[in-house]
Amino acid sequence: MSGTTTAAAALRRRAAGAGANRWVVLVVLCVSLLLVAVDATVLHVAVPAVTEDLRPGAIELLWIVDVYPLVCASLLILFGTLGDRVGRRRVLLLGYALFGVASALAALADNAQVLIAARALLGVGGAMIMPATLSILRQVFPDRRERALAIGIWSAVAAVGAAVGPLLGGFLLEHFWWGSVFLVNIPLMLVSLPVGRLLLPESKGDGRGPWDVVGALMAAAGLFGVVLGVKRLGGGEPVASVFTVLPLVVGAALLTGFVRRQRRRTYPLVDLRMFRRPAFSTSVGCIVLAMLALVGLELIAAQYLQLVLGLSPLQTGLRLLPLTFAAMAAGLAGARMLRRFGPRTMVCVGFCLTAFAVLLLTAMGRTDNCALLLSGFVLLGFGLETTLFGAYESMLSEVPQEQSGGAAAIGETSYQLGAGIGIALLGSVMNAAYTPGVAGGVPGVPTSASAAAGHSLGEAYEVAAQLGGPAGGALRRAAADAFVHGLHVTLVVSAGLLLLGAVMALRLPRVMQCEGEGEGDAVAVPAPRDAVESRVSV
């Protein structure tokens, strides 16, 4: 009897140790995500320095900037499902190692081709890390209430990373050379590798049937083509260009073939039956719509702050910081809001709040209105993060644990696709509203100059500077007015997309279901001492 009591007490102590350890695991996962999120934006401020040092051509410079998100988005499903097969911890640690090696190559690159290759390797490492963090989080926190809090912290860290990237890059460039924006990753990865190997739990799917290598390659190639075509559209390339149409057509054909292949297989790479669940498919749709409506808008807002209001890049970053802080607050409060209001109300209200913020920003004009921008960006950040938090949490909670890698990859892919389509769509709306106000003719300005100024506001300013005098001033004012008009039209379109998302969110569950996830199930991570003994070597 005493032996049984002692064993029960020991089991309770081990459970307590595991409970404490899973929050340490969350810290490790958040550091991983922070590095990937920072690296997606840290290069933006270093582009002038890279251009001056390496002298890349226009196409090479485009690939230097775009190859990282392009490769990362293409490989998310491949590595997410591979983690389900061979072990998510193993894929994550390999991603750490590859990310560190690629960072060193990028920092020491002496020509554009090496930098492009290094950025592509960084994209591969990022694709290995991102879905693994979410799927391990799904395993470590089986209790939905705790998992909601963990996802809130995870998403808040993602918001911090996106904002910290340009600020960190600007700080490093003031004191070091451009390669330092990559070199900073190496010490963090050197710490993350041993800590992750010691603390992170290994987990796999059920392992039934062979891994569909052909299907994985079809998904990767198809996503690469679609994302490349969308990015070219967002960059202002002609819609009828063969280099835009061909990737889109080939990518769509490969993804169609991938879907048909998965439906025929006994053991599919991605179980498409997940999309039959209203909460899962609706969550994925909400993620796409939220990013579609807002990522392109953020890019246009940065142009407005710099070109219309005349703020410096650092001042622009500081103006956008309230959006990040509001997103962090929403992520940290998300678990409590989800328990109180449920997924349906939370996501729907998040969409409506974001739409209200977008419409509020239509009051922006040629003059700086700091109070308006502050209130608009705070509401925008809080509403967007509330929406994404509720959608991600509902999506991840709708799938069995053994499919969490594939589900996380689908969520991250939806995020990337929504962002790319948003830049293309809202960029097209912006151009359609801006161009007639300038290219149609400005009094006192030659027709050829007006036509050239109709391509973009930056080009209009260059043409105005070349003209000089009253004609240059008139062209500059007309271009700024046309840009503000285009911004207002884009904001209204974004609000419409967000309200469509609010309607879509009505298909989500009304309440947060936690049945079958009692406290006894929360022991998912071994205590540190036992973890060392039970690890599978990488």
Protein backbone atom coordinates (compact mmCIF):
# COMPACT_ATOMS: atom_id res chain seq x y z
CA MET A 1 0.00 0.00 0.00
CA SER A 2 2.76 2.36 0.95
CA GLY A 3 4.59 1.43 -2.27
CA THR A 4 1.52 2.33 -4.32
CA THR A 5 1.18 5.63 -2.51
CA THR A 6 4.84 6.41 -3.06
CA ALA A 7 4.54 5.59 -6.77
CA ALA A 8 1.47 7.81 -7.08
CA ALA A 9 3.30 10.65 -5.36
CA ALA A 10 6.25 10.21 -7.71
CA LEU A 11 3.89 10.27 -10.68
CA ARG A 12 2.35 13.51 -9.43
CA ARG A 13 5.82 15.04 -9.03
CA ARG A 14 6.73 14.02 -12.60
CA ALA A 15 3.45 15.51 -13.85
CA ALA A 16 4.23 18.76 -12.05
CA GLY A 17 7.70 18.82 -13.59
CA ALA A 18 6.23 18.24 -17.03
CA GLY A 19 3.71 21.00 -16.51
CA ALA A 20 6.47 23.45 -15.71
CA ASN A 21 8.59 22.24 -18.61
CA ARG A 22 6.03 22.80 -21.35
CA TRP A 23 6.19 26.55 -20.80
CA VAL A 24 9.96 26.36 -21.26
CA VAL A 25 9.25 24.50 -24.51
CA LEU A 26 6.97 27.38 -25.54
CA VAL A 27 9.84 29.83 -24.98
CA VAL A 28 12.11 27.75 -27.25
CA LEU A 29 9.43 27.59 -29.94
CA CYS A 30 8.81 31.34 -29.73
CA VAL A 31 12.52 32.08 -30.14
CA SER A 32 12.46 29.90 -33.27
CA LEU A 33 9.48 31.78 -34.68
CA LEU A 34 11.01 35.15 -33.78
CA LEU A 35 14.11 34.41 -35.85
CA VAL A 36 12.08 33.36 -38.90
CA ALA A 37 9.74 36.36 -38.63
CA VAL A 38 12.61 38.83 -38.20
CA ASP A 39 14.50 37.40 -41.16
CA ALA A 40 11.47 37.93 -43.42
CA THR A 41 11.71 41.72 -43.00
CA VAL A 42 15.21 42.53 -41.74
CA LEU A 43 16.68 42.75 -45.26
CA HIS A 44 14.28 45.47 -46.43
CA VAL A 45 16.29 48.33 -44.93
CA ALA A 46 19.58 46.78 -46.09
CA VAL A 47 18.66 46.74 -49.80
CA PRO A 48 20.44 50.05 -50.61
CA ALA A 49 23.64 48.87 -48.90
CA VAL A 50 23.46 45.48 -50.66
CA THR A 51 22.92 47.23 -53.99
CA GLU A 52 25.92 49.51 -53.47
CA ASP A 53 28.24 46.67 -52.43
CA LEU A 54 27.25 43.74 -54.70
CA ARG A 55 25.91 45.71 -57.69
CA PRO A 56 23.12 43.25 -58.52
CA GLY A 57 21.01 43.66 -61.64
CA ALA A 58 17.32 44.55 -61.37
CA ILE A 59 16.23 40.90 -61.63
CA GLU A 60 18.91 39.75 -59.18
CA LEU A 61 17.84 42.38 -56.65
CA LEU A 62 14.24 41.24 -56.97
CA TRP A 63 15.27 37.64 -56.27
CA ILE A 64 17.44 38.68 -53.32
CA VAL A 65 14.37 40.17 -51.65
CA ASP A 66 11.71 37.68 -52.78
CA VAL A 67 13.41 34.29 -52.85
CA TYR A 68 13.19 33.78 -49.07
CA PRO A 69 9.37 34.09 -48.71
CA LEU A 70 8.88 32.37 -52.08
CA VAL A 71 10.84 29.23 -51.14
CA CYS A 72 9.47 29.23 -47.59
CA ALA A 73 5.84 29.34 -48.74
CA SER A 74 6.43 26.63 -51.36
CA LEU A 75 7.91 24.08 -48.95
CA LEU A 76 5.62 24.48 -45.92
CA ILE A 77 3.37 21.54 -46.84
CA LEU A 78 6.33 19.34 -47.77
CA PHE A 79 8.14 19.81 -44.46
CA GLY A 80 4.97 19.99 -42.36
CA THR A 81 3.90 16.54 -43.54
CA LEU A 82 7.48 15.23 -43.42
CA GLY A 83 7.57 16.19 -39.75
CA ASP A 84 4.42 14.14 -39.19
CA ARG A 85 6.24 11.21 -40.77
CA VAL A 86 9.84 11.30 -39.44
CA GLY A 87 9.42 13.44 -36.33
CA ARG A 88 8.61 17.12 -35.88
CA ARG A 89 11.45 17.74 -33.43
CA ARG A 90 13.93 16.21 -35.86
CA VAL A 91 12.76 18.44 -38.73
CA LEU A 92 12.82 21.49 -36.46
CA LEU A 93 16.40 20.87 -35.31
CA LEU A 94 17.56 20.28 -38.88
CA GLY A 95 15.86 23.57 -39.75
CA TYR A 96 17.84 25.29 -36.98
CA ALA A 97 21.11 23.94 -38.36
CA LEU A 98 20.29 24.87 -41.96
CA PHE A 99 19.13 28.33 -40.91
CA GLY A 100 22.43 28.97 -39.13
CA VAL A 101 24.58 27.74 -42.05
CA ALA A 102 22.54 29.76 -44.56
CA SER A 103 22.84 32.88 -42.38
CA ALA A 104 26.64 32.56 -42.41
CA LEU A 105 26.66 32.14 -46.21
CA ALA A 106 24.41 35.18 -46.65
CA ALA A 107 26.52 37.33 -44.32
CA LEU A 108 29.75 36.46 -46.18
CA ALA A 109 28.33 36.56 -49.73
CA ASP A 110 30.59 38.43 -52.13
CA ASN A 111 28.24 38.44 -55.12
CA ALA A 112 24.52 38.50 -55.83
CA GLN A 113 24.30 34.85 -56.92
CA VAL A 114 25.71 33.58 -53.60
CA LEU A 115 23.34 35.84 -51.65
CA ILE A 116 20.35 34.57 -53.64
CA ALA A 117 21.36 30.94 -52.98
CA ALA A 118 21.85 31.68 -49.27
CA ARG A 119 18.46 33.38 -49.04
CA ALA A 120 16.88 30.36 -50.74
CA LEU A 121 18.49 28.07 -48.12
CA LEU A 122 17.13 30.38 -45.42
CA GLY A 123 13.69 29.84 -46.96
CA VAL A 124 14.17 26.06 -46.74
CA GLY A 125 15.18 26.38 -43.09
CA GLY A 126 12.22 28.64 -42.37
CA ALA A 127 9.84 26.15 -43.98
CA MET A 128 11.23 23.43 -41.70
CA ILE A 129 10.86 25.58 -38.58
CA MET A 130 7.48 27.30 -38.96
CA PRO A 131 5.00 24.38 -39.17
CA ALA A 132 7.05 22.38 -36.64
CA THR A 133 6.63 25.08 -33.99
CA LEU A 134 2.83 25.02 -34.28
CA SER A 135 2.54 21.22 -34.44
CA ILE A 136 4.82 20.72 -31.41
CA LEU A 137 2.81 23.36 -29.60
CA ARG A 138 -0.33 21.35 -30.43
CA GLN A 139 1.25 18.28 -28.84
CA VAL A 140 2.73 19.98 -25.77
CA PHE A 141 -0.55 21.69 -24.89
CA PRO A 142 -3.33 19.10 -25.35
CA ASP A 143 -5.62 21.07 -23.03
CA ARG A 144 -7.36 23.58 -25.28
CA ARG A 145 -7.55 26.30 -22.66
CA GLU A 146 -3.79 26.25 -22.10
CA ARG A 147 -3.18 25.84 -25.82
CA ALA A 148 -5.19 29.00 -26.53
CA LEU A 149 -2.91 30.95 -24.19
CA ALA A 150 0.17 29.41 -25.81
CA ILE A 151 -1.04 30.28 -29.32
CA GLY A 152 -1.71 33.83 -28.14
CA ILE A 153 1.89 34.16 -26.94
CA TRP A 154 3.13 32.50 -30.15
CA SER A 155 1.18 34.90 -32.37
CA ALA A 156 2.25 37.93 -30.31
CA VAL A 157 5.88 36.92 -30.86
CA ALA A 158 5.20 36.71 -34.61
CA ALA A 159 3.86 40.27 -34.55
CA VAL A 160 6.94 41.44 -32.66
CA GLY A 161 9.27 39.75 -35.17
CA ALA A 162 7.66 41.42 -38.17
CA ALA A 163 8.07 44.86 -36.57
CA VAL A 164 11.50 44.30 -35.04
CA GLY A 165 13.04 43.24 -38.37
CA PRO A 166 13.36 46.71 -39.99
CA LEU A 167 14.30 48.38 -36.69
CA LEU A 168 17.00 45.78 -35.94
CA GLY A 169 18.26 46.03 -39.50
CA GLY A 170 18.47 49.81 -39.29
CA PHE A 171 20.38 49.67 -36.00
CA LEU A 172 22.89 47.13 -37.31
CA LEU A 173 23.45 49.08 -40.53
CA GLU A 174 24.32 52.19 -38.55
CA HIS A 175 27.17 50.35 -36.82
CA PHE A 176 28.18 47.42 -39.06
CA TRP A 177 28.11 46.24 -42.67
CA TRP A 178 24.98 44.81 -44.31
CA GLY A 179 25.98 41.19 -43.63
CA SER A 180 25.45 41.75 -39.91
CA VAL A 181 21.67 41.49 -40.43
CA PHE A 182 22.25 37.78 -41.15
CA LEU A 183 25.17 37.17 -38.81
CA VAL A 184 22.99 37.93 -35.77
CA ASN A 185 21.08 34.66 -36.40
CA ILE A 186 24.10 32.42 -35.81
CA PRO A 187 24.60 32.76 -32.01
CA LEU A 188 20.87 32.37 -31.45
CA MET A 189 20.82 29.17 -33.50
CA LEU A 190 23.90 27.86 -31.68
CA VAL A 191 21.94 28.23 -28.44
CA SER A 192 18.64 26.93 -29.85
CA LEU A 193 20.10 23.66 -31.19
CA PRO A 194 21.32 22.13 -27.90
CA VAL A 195 18.46 23.61 -25.86
CA GLY A 196 15.91 22.34 -28.36
CA ARG A 197 17.50 18.88 -28.47
CA LEU A 198 17.36 18.68 -24.69
CA LEU A 199 13.90 20.09 -24.04
CA LEU A 200 11.69 19.64 -27.11
CA PRO A 201 9.57 16.46 -27.23
CA GLU A 202 9.65 14.20 -30.28
CA SER A 203 6.33 13.40 -31.91
CA LYS A 204 5.10 11.79 -35.11
CA GLY A 205 1.87 10.93 -36.86
CA ASP A 206 0.49 7.40 -36.95
CA GLY A 207 3.05 6.42 -39.64
CA ARG A 208 0.61 4.38 -41.70
CA GLY A 209 1.53 3.87 -45.35
CA PRO A 210 4.47 5.34 -47.30
CA TRP A 211 5.19 9.04 -47.43
CA ASP A 212 3.96 10.43 -50.75
CA VAL A 213 7.20 11.86 -52.18
CA VAL A 214 5.67 12.61 -55.59
CA GLY A 215 2.72 14.39 -53.97
CA ALA A 216 5.06 16.45 -51.78
CA LEU A 217 7.07 17.57 -54.81
CA MET A 218 3.88 18.38 -56.74
CA ALA A 219 2.65 20.54 -53.86
CA ALA A 220 6.02 22.32 -53.57
CA ALA A 221 6.32 23.01 -57.31
CA GLY A 222 2.67 24.04 -57.60
CA LEU A 223 2.89 26.48 -54.70
CA PHE A 224 6.16 27.86 -56.06
CA GLY A 225 4.50 28.61 -59.40
CA VAL A 226 1.38 30.18 -57.90
CA VAL A 227 3.26 32.31 -55.37
CA LEU A 228 5.78 33.42 -58.03
CA GLY A 229 2.97 34.45 -60.40
CA VAL A 230 1.12 36.29 -57.64
CA LYS A 231 4.29 38.12 -56.57
CA ARG A 232 4.93 39.22 -60.16
CA LEU A 233 1.38 40.58 -60.35
CA GLY A 234 1.91 42.39 -57.06
CA GLY A 235 5.15 43.86 -58.41
CA GLY A 236 3.29 45.53 -61.26
CA GLU A 237 4.28 43.09 -64.01
CA PRO A 238 1.93 42.91 -67.03
CA VAL A 239 -0.93 40.44 -66.51
CA ALA A 240 -0.44 39.01 -70.02
CA SER A 241 3.32 38.50 -69.58
CA VAL A 242 4.39 34.90 -70.24
CA PHE A 243 6.59 35.04 -67.12
CA THR A 244 3.49 35.81 -65.07
CA VAL A 245 0.89 33.60 -66.76
CA LEU A 246 3.09 30.52 -67.17
CA PRO A 247 3.96 30.09 -63.48
CA LEU A 248 0.32 30.64 -62.49
CA VAL A 249 -1.02 28.11 -65.03
CA VAL A 250 1.61 25.46 -64.32
CA GLY A 251 1.30 25.98 -60.56
CA ALA A 252 -2.50 25.74 -60.64
CA ALA A 253 -2.31 22.58 -62.79
CA LEU A 254 0.15 20.94 -60.38
CA LEU A 255 -1.97 21.83 -57.34
CA THR A 256 -5.08 20.46 -59.08
CA GLY A 257 -3.20 17.24 -59.80
CA PHE A 258 -2.01 17.16 -56.19
CA VAL A 259 -5.58 17.40 -54.87
CA ARG A 260 -6.77 14.60 -57.18
CA ARG A 261 -3.83 12.43 -56.19
CA GLN A 262 -4.53 12.90 -52.48
CA ARG A 263 -8.18 11.93 -52.94
CA ARG A 264 -7.20 8.66 -54.62
CA ARG A 265 -4.53 7.55 -52.14
CA THR A 266 -5.29 5.28 -49.23
CA TYR A 267 -2.74 7.11 -47.10
CA PRO A 268 -2.68 10.70 -48.43
CA LEU A 269 0.03 13.20 -47.69
CA VAL A 270 -2.63 15.73 -46.63
CA ASP A 271 -5.99 14.43 -45.48
CA LEU A 272 -8.32 16.67 -47.47
CA ARG A 273 -11.23 15.48 -45.35
CA MET A 274 -10.06 18.12 -42.87
CA PHE A 275 -11.69 20.68 -45.16
CA ARG A 276 -15.06 18.99 -44.70
CA ARG A 277 -15.05 20.25 -41.14
CA PRO A 278 -16.69 23.69 -41.22
CA ALA A 279 -14.46 25.08 -38.46
CA PHE A 280 -11.26 24.05 -40.26
CA SER A 281 -12.19 25.24 -43.76
CA THR A 282 -13.70 28.46 -42.40
CA SER A 283 -10.60 29.17 -40.32
CA VAL A 284 -8.36 28.72 -43.37
CA GLY A 285 -10.61 31.04 -45.39
CA CYS A 286 -10.55 33.66 -42.64
CA ILE A 287 -6.74 33.60 -42.53
CA VAL A 288 -6.56 34.12 -46.31
CA LEU A 289 -9.09 36.97 -46.26
CA ALA A 290 -7.49 38.74 -43.32
CA MET A 291 -4.05 38.71 -44.93
CA LEU A 292 -5.45 39.47 -48.39
CA ALA A 293 -7.12 42.60 -47.07
CA LEU A 294 -4.30 43.90 -44.92
CA VAL A 295 -0.79 43.01 -46.10
CA GLY A 296 -1.04 45.00 -49.33
CA LEU A 297 -2.61 47.80 -47.31
CA GLU A 298 0.38 47.85 -44.93
CA LEU A 299 2.74 48.24 -47.88
CA ILE A 300 0.69 51.13 -49.27
CA ALA A 301 0.52 52.74 -45.81
CA ALA A 302 4.32 52.68 -45.57
CA GLN A 303 4.52 54.46 -48.93
CA TYR A 304 1.99 57.03 -47.73
CA LEU A 305 3.98 57.78 -44.58
CA GLN A 306 7.27 58.19 -46.45
CA LEU A 307 6.26 59.72 -49.79
CA VAL A 308 3.20 61.80 -48.89
CA LEU A 309 4.01 62.82 -45.31
CA GLY A 310 7.78 62.84 -45.92
CA LEU A 311 8.75 60.68 -42.91
CA SER A 312 12.10 58.89 -42.80
CA PRO A 313 12.23 55.05 -42.77
CA LEU A 314 12.95 55.09 -39.02
CA GLN A 315 10.06 57.49 -38.36
CA THR A 316 7.82 55.27 -40.50
CA GLY A 317 8.77 52.21 -38.47
CA LEU A 318 8.07 54.07 -35.24
CA ARG A 319 4.65 55.19 -36.51
CA LEU A 320 3.76 51.55 -37.23
CA LEU A 321 4.89 50.35 -33.78
CA PRO A 322 1.47 51.01 -32.13
CA LEU A 323 0.00 48.48 -34.57
CA THR A 324 2.50 45.89 -33.32
CA PHE A 325 1.92 46.67 -29.64
CA ALA A 326 -1.85 46.39 -30.14
CA ALA A 327 -1.37 43.04 -31.89
CA MET A 328 0.76 41.83 -28.97
CA ALA A 329 -1.95 42.87 -26.50
CA ALA A 330 -4.62 41.03 -28.51
CA GLY A 331 -2.48 37.89 -28.66
CA LEU A 332 -1.90 37.87 -24.91
CA ALA A 333 -5.59 38.52 -24.19
CA GLY A 334 -6.78 36.12 -26.88
CA ALA A 335 -7.14 33.04 -24.67
CA ARG A 336 -9.40 34.85 -22.20
CA MET A 337 -11.49 36.37 -25.02
CA LEU A 338 -11.84 32.98 -26.70
CA ARG A 339 -13.11 31.34 -23.52
CA ARG A 340 -15.55 34.16 -22.84
CA PHE A 341 -16.92 34.88 -26.31
CA GLY A 342 -16.19 31.73 -28.35
CA PRO A 343 -14.53 31.45 -31.79
CA ARG A 344 -17.49 32.72 -33.84
CA THR A 345 -17.98 35.98 -31.96
CA MET A 346 -14.26 36.57 -31.50
CA VAL A 347 -13.32 36.23 -35.18
CA CYS A 348 -16.43 38.04 -36.43
CA VAL A 349 -15.90 40.99 -34.07
CA GLY A 350 -12.19 41.02 -34.97
CA PHE A 351 -13.05 41.38 -38.64
CA CYS A 352 -15.61 44.12 -37.93
CA LEU A 353 -13.21 46.04 -35.69
CA THR A 354 -10.51 45.87 -38.35
CA ALA A 355 -12.95 47.03 -41.03
CA PHE A 356 -13.93 49.97 -38.80
CA ALA A 357 -10.25 50.88 -38.35
CA VAL A 358 -9.69 50.73 -42.11
CA LEU A 359 -12.66 52.99 -42.80
CA LEU A 360 -11.47 55.37 -40.06
CA LEU A 361 -8.16 55.72 -41.91
CA THR A 362 -9.97 57.03 -45.02
CA ALA A 363 -9.80 60.41 -43.25
CA MET A 364 -6.05 60.49 -43.99
CA GLY A 365 -5.07 63.32 -46.28
CA ARG A 366 -2.06 65.31 -47.47
CA THR A 367 -1.29 66.57 -43.96
CA ASP A 368 -0.09 64.57 -40.98
CA ASN A 369 -2.78 63.67 -38.45
CA CYS A 370 -0.89 61.83 -35.72
CA ALA A 371 -3.93 61.16 -33.50
CA LEU A 372 -5.90 59.66 -36.40
CA LEU A 373 -3.04 57.40 -37.44
CA LEU A 374 -2.40 56.30 -33.86
CA SER A 375 -6.02 55.36 -33.18
CA GLY A 376 -6.42 53.72 -36.59
CA PHE A 377 -3.26 51.63 -36.29
CA VAL A 378 -4.09 50.53 -32.72
CA LEU A 379 -7.57 49.37 -33.74
CA LEU A 380 -6.11 47.76 -36.85
CA GLY A 381 -3.49 45.79 -34.93
CA PHE A 382 -5.88 44.65 -32.20
CA GLY A 383 -8.62 43.65 -34.63
CA LEU A 384 -6.29 41.81 -37.00
CA GLU A 385 -4.57 39.82 -34.27
CA THR A 386 -7.93 38.95 -32.67
CA THR A 387 -9.08 37.59 -36.03
CA LEU A 388 -5.92 35.60 -36.76
CA PHE A 389 -5.71 34.25 -33.21
CA GLY A 390 -9.25 32.91 -33.25
CA ALA A 391 -8.81 31.44 -36.75
CA TYR A 392 -5.48 29.74 -36.00
CA GLU A 393 -6.68 28.33 -32.68
CA SER A 394 -9.89 26.95 -34.20
CA MET A 395 -8.01 25.45 -37.16
CA LEU A 396 -5.40 23.72 -35.00
CA SER A 397 -7.99 22.40 -32.53
CA GLU A 398 -10.09 20.81 -35.28
CA VAL A 399 -7.52 18.22 -36.37
CA PRO A 400 -6.14 15.15 -34.61
CA GLN A 401 -2.70 15.52 -33.09
CA GLU A 402 -1.13 13.13 -35.63
CA GLN A 403 -2.15 15.49 -38.46
CA SER A 404 -1.05 18.69 -36.72
CA GLY A 405 2.04 19.14 -38.91
CA GLY A 406 0.00 19.11 -42.12
CA ALA A 407 -2.65 21.37 -40.58
CA ALA A 408 -0.04 23.87 -39.39
CA ALA A 409 1.54 23.86 -42.85
CA ILE A 410 -1.85 24.55 -44.46
CA GLY A 411 -2.42 27.46 -42.06
CA GLU A 412 0.99 28.98 -42.75
CA THR A 413 0.58 28.45 -46.51
CA SER A 414 -2.81 30.19 -46.36
CA TYR A 415 -1.14 33.09 -44.56
CA GLN A 416 1.56 33.39 -47.23
CA LEU A 417 -0.87 33.03 -50.15
CA GLY A 418 -3.25 35.57 -48.65
CA ALA A 419 -0.39 38.03 -48.22
CA GLY A 420 0.80 37.55 -51.80
CA ILE A 421 -2.67 37.82 -53.33
CA GLY A 422 -3.39 40.86 -51.17
CA ILE A 423 -0.33 42.70 -52.47
CA ALA A 424 -1.31 41.86 -56.05
CA LEU A 425 -5.01 42.69 -55.67
CA LEU A 426 -4.75 45.86 -53.61
CA GLY A 427 -1.75 46.99 -55.62
CA SER A 428 -3.86 46.68 -58.77
CA VAL A 429 -6.72 48.60 -57.15
CA MET A 430 -4.30 51.29 -56.05
CA ASN A 431 -2.78 51.64 -59.51
CA ALA A 432 -6.21 51.73 -61.18
CA ALA A 433 -7.30 54.58 -58.90
CA TYR A 434 -3.97 56.47 -58.96
CA THR A 435 -2.98 56.41 -62.64
CA PRO A 436 -5.91 58.39 -64.17
CA GLY A 437 -5.29 61.31 -61.81
CA VAL A 438 -1.77 61.78 -63.20
CA ALA A 439 -1.47 60.11 -66.61
CA GLY A 440 -4.63 61.85 -67.80
CA GLY A 441 -2.69 65.10 -67.92
CA VAL A 442 -1.61 67.81 -65.50
CA PRO A 443 -1.91 71.49 -66.55
CA GLY A 444 1.50 72.85 -67.53
CA VAL A 445 3.15 69.40 -67.59
CA PRO A 446 4.20 67.68 -70.86
CA THR A 447 2.10 64.66 -71.80
CA SER A 448 5.09 62.34 -71.81
CA ALA A 449 6.04 63.41 -68.28
CA SER A 450 2.48 62.87 -67.04
CA ALA A 451 2.40 59.40 -68.59
CA ALA A 452 5.69 58.44 -66.93
CA ALA A 453 4.47 59.80 -63.58
CA GLY A 454 1.38 57.57 -63.79
CA HIS A 455 3.41 54.43 -63.04
CA SER A 456 3.99 55.14 -59.33
CA LEU A 457 4.26 57.98 -56.85
CA GLY A 458 8.01 57.47 -56.48
CA GLU A 459 8.49 57.77 -60.23
CA ALA A 460 6.23 60.83 -60.30
CA TYR A 461 8.48 62.55 -57.76
CA GLU A 462 11.55 61.73 -59.87
CA VAL A 463 9.92 63.19 -62.99
CA ALA A 464 8.83 66.27 -61.01
CA ALA A 465 12.40 66.80 -59.79
CA GLN A 466 13.67 66.62 -63.38
CA LEU A 467 11.09 69.13 -64.58
CA GLY A 468 11.62 71.60 -61.74
CA GLY A 469 9.91 74.96 -61.48
CA PRO A 470 6.11 75.42 -61.46
CA ALA A 471 5.55 72.37 -63.72
CA GLY A 472 7.46 70.10 -61.34
CA GLY A 473 5.56 71.46 -58.34
CA ALA A 474 2.20 70.99 -60.08
CA LEU A 475 3.07 67.41 -61.02
CA ARG A 476 4.19 66.62 -57.48
CA ARG A 477 0.95 67.98 -55.97
CA ALA A 478 -1.22 66.19 -58.51
CA ALA A 479 0.59 62.88 -57.92
CA ALA A 480 0.25 63.18 -54.13
CA ASP A 481 -3.48 63.97 -54.47
CA ALA A 482 -3.96 61.03 -56.81
CA PHE A 483 -2.11 58.73 -54.41
CA VAL A 484 -4.29 59.78 -51.47
CA HIS A 485 -7.40 59.19 -53.62
CA GLY A 486 -6.09 55.74 -54.57
CA LEU A 487 -5.37 55.01 -50.92
CA HIS A 488 -8.97 55.86 -49.98
CA VAL A 489 -10.34 53.55 -52.69
CA THR A 490 -8.02 50.75 -51.55
CA LEU A 491 -9.13 51.20 -47.94
CA VAL A 492 -12.80 50.88 -48.94
CA VAL A 493 -12.06 47.68 -50.92
CA SER A 494 -10.14 46.29 -47.92
CA ALA A 495 -13.08 47.06 -45.63
CA GLY A 496 -15.38 45.16 -47.98
CA LEU A 497 -13.09 42.10 -47.89
CA LEU A 498 -12.95 42.27 -44.10
CA LEU A 499 -16.76 42.43 -43.80
CA LEU A 500 -16.93 39.41 -46.11
CA GLY A 501 -14.64 37.67 -43.64
CA ALA A 502 -16.98 38.60 -40.80
CA VAL A 503 -19.85 36.90 -42.64
CA MET A 504 -17.67 33.84 -43.29
CA ALA A 505 -16.78 33.64 -39.58
CA LEU A 506 -20.44 32.96 -38.74
CA ARG A 507 -19.75 29.30 -39.70
CA LEU A 508 -17.30 28.90 -36.79
CA PRO A 509 -18.43 27.18 -33.55
CA ARG A 510 -20.32 29.40 -31.15
CA VAL A 511 -18.47 28.20 -28.04
CA MET A 512 -14.97 26.94 -27.27
CA GLN A 513 -15.27 23.15 -26.91
CA CYS A 514 -12.92 21.67 -24.29
CA GLU A 515 -14.59 18.29 -23.70
CA GLY A 516 -12.26 15.38 -23.26
CA GLU A 517 -9.27 17.56 -22.42
CA GLY A 518 -9.02 17.35 -18.71
CA GLU A 519 -6.04 18.17 -16.59
CA GLY A 520 -4.92 14.59 -16.63
CA ASP A 521 -4.22 14.79 -20.35
CA ALA A 522 -1.94 17.77 -20.01
CA VAL A 523 1.17 15.71 -19.22
CA ALA A 524 2.70 15.79 -22.70
CA VAL A 525 6.34 16.68 -22.11
CA PRO A 526 8.75 14.53 -20.09
CA ALA A 527 10.65 16.10 -17.23
CA PRO A 528 14.10 17.36 -18.22
CA ARG A 529 15.97 14.44 -16.61
CA ASP A 530 13.80 11.86 -18.35
CA ALA A 531 13.89 13.83 -21.58
CA VAL A 532 17.62 13.24 -21.97
CA GLU A 533 17.13 9.48 -21.63
CA SER A 534 14.23 9.19 -24.07
CA ARG A 535 15.46 11.35 -26.94
CA VAL A 536 15.80 10.03 -30.47
CA SER A 537 19.14 11.14 -31.89
CA VAL A 538 19.07 13.60 -34.77
